[in-house]
Amino acid sequence: MIHFVVLTGGTGSRMQADRPKQFLPLAGKPVLQYSLELFAGLEMEKGSLVIVSHSDYRMACEVLLRPVADRFSAVAVVSGGRTRHLSSINGLAALEEVADSDIILIHDGARPLVSSQEVWSLVRRMQSNPVLACATLASPATETIAVSDSADSIITDVPDRSTLFAIKTPQALRGAYREGMQQCMRDDYTDLIAWAMDQNLPSGMAPSGPRNIKLTNPEDLPFLESLVGKSPETG
């Protein structure tokens, strides 16, 4: 069984818009709607889906959830926490009937163009390697990365680019580790993999394509619009 937690708790202040970025129109549809429709259309045994929302926008999330609600065993909208990690915990707590062998996909609602191929690749990575507690979509770094305290500080390292990967979402958590993550109230983890590494839990990766872009800044929106409708192979 595959369950879904979609994180939409941010206000998107960097977008300089009149609403959070997950509700901005992207080629005629709210950004968040793309992820909900993708997950609803997946031909897999689906469990529950939870949207984690800023408390001011829960009703807006419920409106977008209604058309796809019957494709999941249960759906819910819950309020987010003060940080991403605490929001993830709120989402995990709201999932229904999660077995130890189930897989939970945690996705950033500001990544509207993730593909079904990427989701399947991530799920199969978890299914084929039962030792993994977590896995994430990731893409190879395309530029050389420098390590420094800040942009105007001394560079302390230039890691081998062939060993560096950009982490994307969804990220996958095996159901057996759900309770352990919920009990970890340290709130500064930036994503699921950071938490897993701190717990010494094995994590894996599955390949992500170039379309799986996070909407962060105003200039990202027209670029994403140029990709809508293109296949993952050509986009």
Foldseek 3Di string as FASTA:
>chain_A
DEEEEEEAADFQVQAVDPGRQQQDDFPRGRLLLLVLVQVLPDPDQAEEYEYAYAPVCQVVVVVSNVVRQVSHNGYYYHYADPAPLRRVLVRLVPGPDADQQYKYWYAYSQQRPFHPVQVVQQVVVCVVDVQAQKEFAKAQDPDWDFDDPDPPGDTDDTDDSRPDIGTHDGMMGGSNCSVVSSVDPPHPDNDDVSVCVVVVGDYYYGYTAPSRDGPRHNVVRVVNSVCPPPDSVVD
